[in-house]
Protein backbone atom coordinates (compact mmCIF):
# COMPACT_ATOMS: atom_id res chain seq x y z
CA MET A 1 -10.31 -8.60 13.40
CA ASN A 2 -8.71 -5.26 13.31
CA ILE A 3 -6.19 -4.67 15.80
CA ARG A 4 -5.88 -0.80 15.36
CA ALA A 5 -8.28 0.92 13.44
CA TYR A 6 -7.43 3.71 10.75
CA THR A 7 -7.76 6.77 12.22
CA PRO A 8 -7.12 10.12 10.34
CA GLN A 9 -4.39 12.52 11.59
CA GLU A 10 -3.55 9.50 14.06
CA TYR A 11 -2.86 6.19 12.66
CA ILE A 12 -2.83 6.69 8.98
CA CYS A 13 -2.31 4.47 5.65
CA GLY A 14 1.35 4.61 5.74
CA GLN A 15 1.41 3.65 9.70
CA TYR A 16 -1.00 0.72 8.91
CA THR A 17 0.97 -0.69 6.23
CA ALA A 18 4.00 -0.22 8.01
CA ASP A 19 2.56 -2.50 10.71
CA MET A 20 1.12 -5.04 8.19
CA ILE A 21 4.23 -5.46 6.80
CA ALA A 22 6.21 -6.32 10.19
CA ALA A 23 3.06 -8.47 11.29
CA SER A 24 3.08 -10.28 7.95
CA GLU A 25 7.07 -10.94 8.16
CA LYS A 26 6.61 -12.56 11.72
CA ALA A 27 3.54 -14.60 10.44
CA GLY A 28 6.19 -15.90 7.51
CA TYR A 29 4.79 -13.99 4.80
CA LYS A 30 6.43 -11.24 2.45
CA ALA A 31 4.32 -7.99 2.37
CA TYR A 32 5.48 -4.97 0.37
CA PHE A 33 4.67 -1.10 0.78
CA ALA A 34 2.66 0.31 -2.07
CA ALA A 35 2.48 3.85 -2.81
CA VAL A 36 -0.26 5.55 -4.92
CA MET A 37 -0.30 8.80 -6.59
CA PHE A 38 -3.53 10.90 -7.36
CA SER A 39 -3.83 13.56 -9.84
CA ASP A 40 -4.26 16.18 -7.03
CA GLY A 41 -0.41 15.46 -5.93
CA THR A 42 -1.57 13.63 -2.92
CA GLY A 43 -0.99 10.03 -1.91
CA HIS A 44 -2.08 6.78 -0.14
CA ALA A 45 -0.36 3.48 0.87
CA LEU A 46 -1.29 0.08 0.49
CA VAL A 47 -0.27 -3.36 1.63
CA SER A 48 0.94 -5.31 -1.10
CA PHE A 49 1.71 -9.09 -1.44
CA LYS A 50 3.00 -11.00 -4.47
CA SER A 51 2.05 -14.15 -5.93
CA THR A 52 3.97 -16.06 -8.25
CA VAL A 53 2.30 -19.42 -9.93
CA PHE A 54 3.40 -21.27 -12.81
CA GLY A 55 6.01 -18.48 -13.77
CA THR A 56 3.09 -16.16 -13.69
CA THR A 57 3.49 -12.91 -10.98
CA SER A 58 0.56 -11.05 -9.45
CA TRP A 59 0.37 -8.57 -7.36
CA TYR A 60 -2.68 -7.98 -4.65
CA PHE A 61 -3.25 -5.21 -2.18
CA PHE A 62 -5.25 -4.39 0.66
CA GLU A 63 -6.87 -1.01 1.58
CA PRO A 64 -6.19 -0.13 5.07
CA GLN A 65 -9.42 1.96 5.52
CA THR A 66 -11.66 -0.79 4.61
CA ASN A 67 -9.01 -4.18 4.93
CA LYS A 68 -10.57 -4.99 1.17
CA LEU A 69 -8.60 -6.86 -1.49
CA ILE A 70 -7.89 -4.93 -4.61
CA THR A 71 -5.85 -5.89 -7.88
CA PRO A 72 -4.06 -3.51 -10.20
CA GLU A 73 -7.07 -3.93 -12.37
CA THR A 74 -9.64 -3.04 -9.86
CA LEU A 75 -7.16 -0.49 -8.00
CA LYS A 76 -7.98 2.83 -10.03
CA TYR A 77 -12.00 2.07 -9.70
CA VAL A 78 -11.71 1.19 -6.04
CA LEU A 79 -9.84 4.18 -4.84
CA ASN A 80 -11.98 6.65 -6.74
CA GLN A 81 -15.08 5.18 -5.37
CA ASN A 82 -13.85 5.00 -1.80
CA MET A 83 -11.66 8.05 -2.14
CA GLY A 84 -13.37 10.47 -4.68
CA LYS A 85 -10.03 10.82 -6.09
CA THR A 86 -8.38 9.92 -9.59
CA VAL A 87 -5.41 7.80 -9.38
CA THR A 88 -2.23 8.36 -11.80
CA GLY A 89 -0.19 5.64 -10.56
CA VAL A 90 1.24 3.13 -7.82
CA ASN A 91 4.40 1.75 -6.91
CA ILE A 92 5.64 -1.14 -5.08
CA TYR A 93 8.65 -0.92 -3.19
CA GLY A 94 10.89 -3.69 -1.79
CA TYR A 95 12.35 -1.24 0.96
CA PHE A 96 11.18 1.55 2.94
CA ASP A 97 12.86 3.40 5.98
CA ASP A 98 10.29 5.26 8.32
CA ALA A 99 13.10 6.05 10.61
CA GLY A 100 10.48 6.27 13.47
CA ASP A 101 8.58 9.11 12.00
CA LYS A 102 5.09 9.29 11.61
CA ASP A 103 4.68 11.30 8.52
CA PRO A 104 5.05 9.15 5.54
CA ALA A 105 5.65 11.93 3.12
CA THR A 106 9.35 11.91 5.10
CA TRP A 107 9.98 8.19 4.48
CA GLN A 108 12.58 6.92 2.18
CA PHE A 109 11.75 4.21 -0.22
CA ALA A 110 14.09 2.13 -2.40
CA TYR A 111 14.09 -0.91 -5.11
CA PRO A 112 10.85 -0.50 -6.82
CA LEU A 113 9.52 -3.91 -7.49
CA TYR A 114 6.35 -2.92 -9.66
CA SER A 115 5.15 0.32 -11.25
CA LYS A 116 2.00 1.01 -13.28
CA ASN A 117 0.53 4.53 -14.50
CA TYR A 118 -2.83 4.97 -15.08
């Protein structure tokens, strides 16, 4: 069940991601902020989780507009299909600070944990 729905210009991907990170922490899970870059210079935010099994680490993403699971291997294809844009890269950050601002373009990010260029 969605508590808040993605609403362009009102409740956007970055805000959804920040809320999901906070909710995950309360539930005992560690979530991360994933920033996607597109070839047209725009971006998109995804919620990310890390899984480590037998020493192998995998990253998983959740799309805020659909709540669908995405992997690093499917990210480029899924976002191209859903948003009609070409993905050029994704970074997962261990820290972000929104400073109470609703515009993710002004947020500060640090500690990149994962980076992939497409």
